[in-house]
Amino acid sequence: MLRQIQPKNARSKRALEKREPQTHENPKTTLFLKGTSTSDLLNHLLTDLHSLKRPLAIRFTKKNPIHPFEDPSSLEFFSQKNDASLLVFGSHSKKRPHALTWVRCFGGKVLDMLELLVVQDTARTLAQFKGEKCKVGVKPLLSFSGTLFESPTPNAYTLAKSMFVDFFKGGEASTVDVEGLQYLVTFAVGEEDEAASSGGVEGQKPQIHMRVWRIITKRSGQRLPRVEVEEMGPRIDFRVGRTKEADDDMMKAALKKAKGTEARPKKNVETDVVGDKVGRIHLGRQDLGELQTRKMKGLKRGRDTDVEDEEDPEADELTRVSDEEDGEEEVVDDGDSEDDAGPKRQRLA
């Protein structure tokens, strides 16, 4: 649990309020430190990483007697003093040569740490690559290839991916300009079985291969340009060393978001796996009696019947008149028979 500090006066209260989590946090600043003993290769790599991180980077050139995994209090002091939540510490020893320790802090305390050992034989600095370099303050594209980076169980490689994303993330951007996509950083890791087959020691963890590429756009004669990449440097291969995982309560507090930052979910609107937006519409109760159904040909009157009725309308009228006259004649005949019957009976009488 994090220790809660109670302010004693108004000045300390204002200082503590500035350190509290804000609704919109500032971009993370990285502090580069050196231990009591460092190699020339490590000094060049720290300089190259600092150039890629600028302007959100601070570099100390003096040596510091710090042992991160034994006593991280000095790192916590530098983090609070310089308002830097990310630290990269370089040290060199016979047991752990060319070691770069990546540290993340939260609330002035060390959150987690990862030690990566640089492979000297394959390392290349930024100055060893000829060509144009990227500009200061440009955000890179990140690419991670390897199943170990996507492991469902936390391990050193998932921690390394999280560290690298925080390191190269920079400030938040609402829009992206294509001209600003100037370089690409790729991280590749093989399978655990491939480490021994490629000449490594059996049981040794696979290496993380870091490559930095400059993106070049050329004319293609079409609307979209032709994109090419050229290695810009630095080129670093890491071997995974010691790790320090974050405490559960501390990680839960670090991932907590302020109220109002999350977008309100829209009702009846969802996004599927592909990324398409799917909406759900609710209709009221419908009257099926007024429903317009499809007209079937079998239920229509015959065309021949309709034609006959339309061709001879006078015949229908004459038939109707003749029927009425027949009815009148029948009524007259019945009346005459009754009148004639009376006089006949009198004569006979």
Protein backbone atom coordinates (compact mmCIF):
# COMPACT_ATOMS: atom_id res chain seq x y z
CA MET A 1 0.00 0.00 0.00
CA LEU A 2 1.12 3.56 -0.71
CA ARG A 3 1.86 5.70 2.29
CA GLN A 4 -0.54 8.63 2.64
CA ILE A 5 1.14 11.92 3.57
CA GLN A 6 -0.95 14.43 5.50
CA PRO A 7 -0.13 18.10 4.70
CA LYS A 8 0.89 20.29 7.65
CA ASN A 9 0.28 23.67 6.02
CA ALA A 10 -1.17 25.24 2.88
CA ARG A 11 2.15 25.20 1.02
CA SER A 12 2.63 21.45 1.47
CA LYS A 13 -1.00 20.89 0.56
CA ARG A 14 -0.54 22.67 -2.79
CA ALA A 15 2.63 20.67 -3.44
CA LEU A 16 0.81 17.40 -2.77
CA GLU A 17 -2.08 18.40 -5.03
CA LYS A 18 0.34 18.88 -7.91
CA ARG A 19 1.65 15.35 -7.40
CA GLU A 20 -1.80 13.79 -7.32
CA PRO A 21 -3.16 12.04 -10.42
CA GLN A 22 -4.61 14.55 -12.86
CA THR A 23 -7.44 14.18 -15.34
CA HIS A 24 -5.00 14.80 -18.21
CA GLU A 25 -1.48 13.72 -17.32
CA ASN A 26 1.59 15.27 -18.88
CA PRO A 27 3.77 13.09 -21.16
CA LYS A 28 6.17 10.81 -19.35
CA THR A 29 9.74 12.07 -19.05
CA THR A 30 12.64 9.61 -19.09
CA LEU A 31 15.75 10.07 -16.94
CA PHE A 32 19.01 8.45 -18.10
CA LEU A 33 21.52 7.54 -15.35
CA LYS A 34 24.91 5.84 -15.19
CA GLY A 35 26.34 3.61 -12.50
CA THR A 36 29.80 3.63 -11.03
CA SER A 37 31.13 1.54 -13.90
CA THR A 38 29.95 1.75 -17.51
CA SER A 39 31.45 0.68 -20.85
CA ASP A 40 31.96 2.79 -23.97
CA LEU A 41 29.31 0.80 -25.80
CA LEU A 42 26.82 1.48 -23.05
CA ASN A 43 27.60 5.20 -23.05
CA HIS A 44 26.98 5.40 -26.80
CA LEU A 45 23.72 3.46 -26.54
CA LEU A 46 22.48 5.71 -23.73
CA THR A 47 23.24 8.71 -25.92
CA ASP A 48 21.37 7.16 -28.87
CA LEU A 49 18.31 6.30 -26.78
CA HIS A 50 18.35 9.82 -25.34
CA SER A 51 18.36 11.30 -28.88
CA LEU A 52 15.35 9.16 -29.85
CA LYS A 53 13.44 10.21 -26.73
CA ARG A 54 14.09 13.96 -26.94
CA PRO A 55 12.64 16.39 -25.90
CA LEU A 56 10.99 14.29 -23.15
CA ALA A 57 14.37 13.13 -21.80
CA ILE A 58 16.90 14.14 -19.14
CA ARG A 59 20.44 12.77 -19.11
CA PHE A 60 22.88 12.72 -16.19
CA THR A 61 26.54 12.28 -17.07
CA LYS A 62 27.92 11.81 -13.55
CA LYS A 63 28.36 8.37 -12.05
CA ASN A 64 26.02 7.28 -9.27
CA PRO A 65 26.60 4.42 -6.79
CA ILE A 66 23.17 2.88 -7.31
CA HIS A 67 22.10 -0.77 -7.13
CA PRO A 68 18.49 -0.79 -8.40
CA PHE A 69 17.46 -4.27 -7.28
CA GLU A 70 19.11 -3.98 -3.84
CA ASP A 71 18.20 -0.41 -2.86
CA PRO A 72 15.93 1.62 -5.21
CA SER A 73 15.66 4.60 -2.87
CA SER A 74 18.12 6.66 -4.94
CA LEU A 75 16.07 6.06 -8.08
CA GLU A 76 12.92 7.14 -6.26
CA PHE A 77 14.66 10.33 -5.15
CA PHE A 78 15.76 11.19 -8.71
CA SER A 79 12.27 10.38 -10.00
CA GLN A 80 10.57 12.77 -7.58
CA LYS A 81 13.20 15.49 -7.99
CA ASN A 82 12.99 15.58 -11.80
CA ASP A 83 9.32 14.57 -12.22
CA ALA A 84 10.38 11.55 -14.31
CA SER A 85 8.29 8.40 -14.17
CA LEU A 86 10.64 6.43 -16.47
CA LEU A 87 14.32 5.76 -15.78
CA VAL A 88 17.01 3.96 -17.78
CA PHE A 89 20.03 2.99 -15.69
CA GLY A 90 23.26 1.77 -17.31
CA SER A 91 25.86 -0.33 -15.50
CA HIS A 92 28.66 -2.69 -16.44
CA SER A 93 30.24 -5.52 -14.45
CA LYS A 94 31.86 -8.87 -15.08
CA LYS A 95 28.79 -10.77 -13.95
CA ARG A 96 26.28 -8.53 -15.79
CA PRO A 97 28.05 -6.83 -18.72
CA HIS A 98 26.45 -3.94 -20.60
CA ALA A 99 23.28 -3.94 -18.51
CA LEU A 100 20.40 -1.52 -19.10
CA THR A 101 17.80 -1.45 -16.32
CA TRP A 102 14.39 -0.02 -17.27
CA VAL A 103 12.45 1.37 -14.29
CA ARG A 104 8.89 2.66 -14.01
CA CYS A 105 7.72 4.73 -11.05
CA PHE A 106 4.31 5.64 -9.71
CA GLY A 107 3.67 8.11 -6.94
CA GLY A 108 7.40 8.55 -6.34
CA LYS A 109 7.89 4.82 -5.75
CA VAL A 110 9.34 2.13 -8.00
CA LEU A 111 6.55 0.25 -9.75
CA ASP A 112 8.47 -2.43 -11.69
CA MET A 113 11.93 -3.02 -13.16
CA LEU A 114 13.44 -5.00 -16.02
CA GLU A 115 17.14 -5.71 -16.64
CA LEU A 116 18.25 -6.19 -20.26
CA LEU A 117 21.83 -7.18 -21.15
CA VAL A 118 23.18 -5.85 -24.45
CA VAL A 119 24.88 -8.36 -26.77
CA GLN A 120 28.19 -6.67 -27.64
CA ASP A 121 28.92 -8.59 -30.85
CA THR A 122 25.79 -7.46 -32.71
CA ALA A 123 25.33 -3.98 -31.24
CA ARG A 124 25.63 -0.98 -33.59
CA THR A 125 25.34 2.66 -32.57
CA LEU A 126 23.50 5.46 -34.33
CA ALA A 127 26.73 6.97 -35.69
CA GLN A 128 27.69 3.73 -37.47
CA PHE A 129 24.75 4.08 -39.87
CA LYS A 130 25.06 6.59 -42.67
CA GLY A 131 22.14 8.59 -43.91
CA GLU A 132 19.60 11.08 -42.66
CA LYS A 133 18.27 10.78 -39.11
CA CYS A 134 14.80 11.47 -37.77
CA LYS A 135 13.83 14.86 -36.41
CA VAL A 136 13.46 15.71 -32.73
CA GLY A 137 10.06 15.14 -31.15
CA VAL A 138 8.72 12.72 -33.76
CA LYS A 139 6.66 9.77 -32.52
CA PRO A 140 7.69 6.42 -33.99
CA LEU A 141 5.70 3.48 -35.24
CA LEU A 142 6.09 0.37 -33.04
CA SER A 143 6.00 -3.23 -34.20
CA PHE A 144 6.18 -6.33 -31.97
CA SER A 145 6.57 -9.78 -33.54
CA GLY A 146 6.68 -12.94 -31.47
CA THR A 147 4.26 -15.08 -29.51
CA LEU A 148 6.05 -14.37 -26.23
CA PHE A 149 4.99 -10.72 -26.44
CA GLU A 150 1.34 -11.82 -26.62
CA SER A 151 1.48 -14.42 -23.85
CA PRO A 152 -1.69 -14.51 -21.69
CA THR A 153 0.43 -15.10 -18.58
CA PRO A 154 2.67 -12.19 -17.49
CA ASN A 155 6.37 -12.81 -18.12
CA ALA A 156 9.55 -10.85 -18.80
CA TYR A 157 8.62 -10.34 -22.48
CA THR A 158 5.17 -8.91 -21.78
CA LEU A 159 6.84 -6.61 -19.26
CA ALA A 160 9.42 -5.59 -21.88
CA LYS A 161 6.65 -4.79 -24.37
CA SER A 162 4.87 -2.62 -21.81
CA MET A 163 8.16 -0.85 -20.99
CA PHE A 164 8.97 -0.11 -24.63
CA VAL A 165 5.46 1.19 -25.35
CA ASP A 166 5.67 3.59 -22.41
CA PHE A 167 9.18 4.65 -23.43
CA PHE A 168 8.31 5.54 -27.06
CA LYS A 169 4.71 6.65 -26.51
CA GLY A 170 5.28 10.36 -25.99
CA GLY A 171 2.36 12.76 -25.80
CA GLU A 172 -1.18 11.98 -26.86
CA ALA A 173 -2.19 13.06 -30.36
CA SER A 174 -5.77 13.45 -31.58
CA THR A 175 -4.78 13.48 -35.26
CA VAL A 176 -1.90 11.93 -37.21
CA ASP A 177 -0.01 13.62 -40.04
CA VAL A 178 1.44 11.24 -42.59
CA GLU A 179 4.52 13.45 -42.97
CA GLY A 180 5.25 12.93 -39.28
CA LEU A 181 5.66 9.16 -39.67
CA GLN A 182 9.41 9.25 -40.15
CA TYR A 183 10.78 6.16 -38.41
CA LEU A 184 9.79 2.69 -37.27
CA VAL A 185 11.01 0.68 -34.27
CA THR A 186 10.63 -3.10 -34.47
CA PHE A 187 11.01 -5.62 -31.66
CA ALA A 188 11.26 -9.31 -32.54
CA VAL A 189 11.66 -12.35 -30.32
CA GLY A 190 11.95 -16.00 -31.29
CA GLU A 191 10.55 -19.09 -29.66
CA GLU A 192 12.13 -20.67 -26.61
CA ASP A 193 13.10 -23.79 -28.58
CA GLU A 194 14.88 -21.70 -31.22
CA ALA A 195 17.35 -20.23 -28.70
CA ALA A 196 19.13 -23.55 -28.18
CA SER A 197 19.01 -24.54 -31.86
CA SER A 198 20.61 -21.25 -32.97
CA GLY A 199 23.78 -21.89 -30.97
CA GLY A 200 22.66 -20.61 -27.58
CA VAL A 201 22.85 -22.37 -24.27
CA GLU A 202 20.07 -24.85 -23.61
CA GLY A 203 17.46 -23.32 -21.31
CA GLN A 204 18.55 -19.77 -22.13
CA LYS A 205 15.79 -17.29 -22.85
CA PRO A 206 15.48 -16.00 -26.45
CA GLN A 207 16.88 -12.59 -27.26
CA ILE A 208 14.93 -9.43 -28.06
CA HIS A 209 16.06 -7.87 -31.34
CA MET A 210 15.55 -4.11 -31.59
CA ARG A 211 15.88 -2.40 -34.98
CA VAL A 212 15.20 1.22 -35.92
CA TRP A 213 14.20 2.05 -39.51
CA ARG A 214 13.74 5.35 -41.32
CA ILE A 215 10.59 5.55 -43.45
CA ILE A 216 11.15 6.93 -46.95
CA THR A 217 8.30 7.87 -49.33
CA LYS A 218 9.02 8.05 -53.07
CA ARG A 219 6.98 8.85 -56.14
CA SER A 220 5.16 5.90 -57.62
CA GLY A 221 3.22 7.55 -60.47
CA GLN A 222 -0.02 6.84 -58.60
CA ARG A 223 -2.01 8.51 -55.87
CA LEU A 224 -0.29 6.59 -53.09
CA PRO A 225 3.50 6.90 -52.78
CA ARG A 226 5.92 3.99 -52.64
CA VAL A 227 7.13 3.37 -49.09
CA GLU A 228 10.61 2.07 -48.35
CA VAL A 229 12.52 1.58 -45.10
CA GLU A 230 16.20 2.07 -44.40
CA GLU A 231 17.94 1.03 -41.20
CA MET A 232 18.82 4.12 -39.20
CA GLY A 233 20.17 2.69 -35.96
CA PRO A 234 20.79 1.91 -33.21
CA ARG A 235 20.77 -1.88 -33.55
CA ILE A 236 20.54 -3.68 -30.20
CA ASP A 237 20.05 -7.31 -29.19
CA PHE A 238 18.95 -7.81 -25.58
CA ARG A 239 19.23 -10.79 -23.27
CA VAL A 240 16.64 -10.85 -20.52
CA GLY A 241 18.07 -10.50 -17.01
CA ARG A 242 16.47 -9.83 -13.64
CA THR A 243 12.90 -8.58 -13.25
CA LYS A 244 10.83 -7.02 -10.48
CA GLU A 245 7.09 -7.24 -10.96
CA ALA A 246 4.69 -4.62 -9.69
CA ASP A 247 2.66 -5.08 -6.54
CA ASP A 248 -1.01 -5.87 -7.22
CA ASP A 249 -2.41 -3.00 -5.14
CA MET A 250 0.11 -0.55 -6.57
CA MET A 251 -0.60 -1.63 -10.15
CA LYS A 252 -4.35 -1.31 -9.54
CA ALA A 253 -3.84 2.25 -8.30
CA ALA A 254 -1.59 3.07 -11.27
CA LEU A 255 -4.18 1.86 -13.79
CA LYS A 256 -7.04 3.73 -12.17
CA LYS A 257 -8.54 6.45 -14.37
CA ALA A 258 -10.10 9.69 -13.22
CA LYS A 259 -13.84 10.16 -13.54
CA GLY A 260 -14.87 11.92 -16.71
CA THR A 261 -11.97 10.73 -18.88
CA GLU A 262 -13.75 7.64 -20.19
CA ALA A 263 -16.21 8.18 -23.02
CA ARG A 264 -19.79 7.34 -22.19
CA PRO A 265 -20.95 4.21 -23.98
CA LYS A 266 -23.66 4.86 -26.55
CA LYS A 267 -26.85 2.96 -26.03
CA ASN A 268 -27.54 0.10 -28.45
CA VAL A 269 -24.26 0.77 -30.33
CA GLU A 270 -21.51 -1.84 -30.25
CA THR A 271 -18.24 -2.54 -32.04
CA ASP A 272 -17.53 -6.05 -33.30
CA VAL A 273 -14.20 -7.87 -33.49
CA VAL A 274 -13.38 -6.47 -36.94
CA GLY A 275 -13.93 -2.91 -35.72
CA ASP A 276 -17.22 -2.21 -37.50
CA LYS A 277 -19.89 -0.28 -35.63
CA VAL A 278 -23.14 -2.21 -35.17
CA GLY A 279 -26.39 -0.54 -34.05
CA ARG A 280 -29.60 -2.02 -32.64
CA ILE A 281 -32.98 -0.42 -33.48
CA HIS A 282 -36.10 -1.00 -31.35
CA LEU A 283 -39.52 -0.60 -33.07
CA GLY A 284 -42.94 -0.13 -31.48
CA ARG A 285 -45.83 -2.56 -31.73
CA GLN A 286 -46.99 -2.87 -35.33
CA ASP A 287 -50.57 -3.33 -36.58
CA LEU A 288 -50.38 -6.32 -38.89
CA GLY A 289 -53.80 -5.51 -40.34
CA GLU A 290 -52.37 -2.52 -42.16
CA LEU A 291 -49.32 -4.40 -43.33
CA GLN A 292 -48.81 -4.20 -47.10
CA THR A 293 -48.11 -7.73 -48.24
CA ARG A 294 -46.82 -8.87 -51.58
CA LYS A 295 -49.44 -9.28 -54.28
CA MET A 296 -49.53 -12.75 -55.83
CA LYS A 297 -50.42 -13.30 -59.47
CA GLY A 298 -52.60 -16.27 -58.60
CA LEU A 299 -55.01 -14.09 -56.65
CA LYS A 300 -55.60 -11.57 -59.48
CA ARG A 301 -58.59 -11.72 -61.88
CA GLY A 302 -57.98 -13.10 -65.32
CA ARG A 303 -57.06 -10.65 -68.01
CA ASP A 304 -59.55 -12.22 -70.51
CA THR A 305 -62.52 -11.65 -68.17
CA ASP A 306 -61.60 -8.04 -67.68
CA VAL A 307 -61.27 -7.52 -71.46
CA GLU A 308 -64.72 -9.02 -72.19
CA ASP A 309 -66.38 -6.84 -69.59
CA GLU A 310 -64.77 -3.75 -71.01
CA GLU A 311 -65.50 -4.62 -74.71
CA ASP A 312 -69.38 -5.08 -74.51
CA PRO A 313 -70.90 -2.76 -71.90
CA GLU A 314 -74.14 -2.27 -74.01
CA ALA A 315 -74.88 -5.99 -73.93
CA ASP A 316 -74.82 -5.97 -70.19
CA GLU A 317 -77.25 -3.02 -70.14
CA LEU A 318 -79.71 -4.70 -72.55
CA THR A 319 -79.61 -7.91 -70.55
CA ARG A 320 -80.38 -5.97 -67.38
CA VAL A 321 -83.39 -4.18 -69.07
CA SER A 322 -84.83 -7.41 -70.52
CA ASP A 323 -84.70 -9.04 -67.10
CA GLU A 324 -86.72 -6.15 -65.63
CA GLU A 325 -89.41 -6.37 -68.40
CA ASP A 326 -89.84 -10.09 -67.86
CA GLY A 327 -90.51 -9.47 -64.23
CA GLU A 328 -93.20 -6.88 -65.02
CA GLU A 329 -94.95 -9.16 -67.51
CA GLU A 330 -95.19 -11.94 -65.00
CA VAL A 331 -96.87 -9.62 -62.54
CA VAL A 332 -99.46 -8.40 -65.17
CA ASP A 333 -100.38 -11.93 -66.21
CA ASP A 334 -101.12 -12.88 -62.64
CA GLY A 335 -103.47 -9.92 -62.24
CA ASP A 336 -105.43 -10.60 -65.44
CA SER A 337 -106.11 -14.19 -64.49
CA GLU A 338 -107.79 -13.19 -61.25
CA ASP A 339 -110.10 -10.60 -62.93
CA ASP A 340 -111.15 -13.00 -65.69
CA ALA A 341 -111.95 -15.76 -63.25
CA GLY A 342 -114.70 -13.68 -61.57
CA PRO A 343 -117.02 -13.11 -64.56
CA LYS A 344 -116.68 -16.68 -65.73
CA ARG A 345 -117.95 -17.97 -62.42
CA GLN A 346 -120.97 -15.61 -62.63
CA ARG A 347 -122.00 -16.84 -66.08
CA LEU A 348 -121.90 -20.39 -64.93
CA ALA A 349 -124.04 -19.51 -61.99
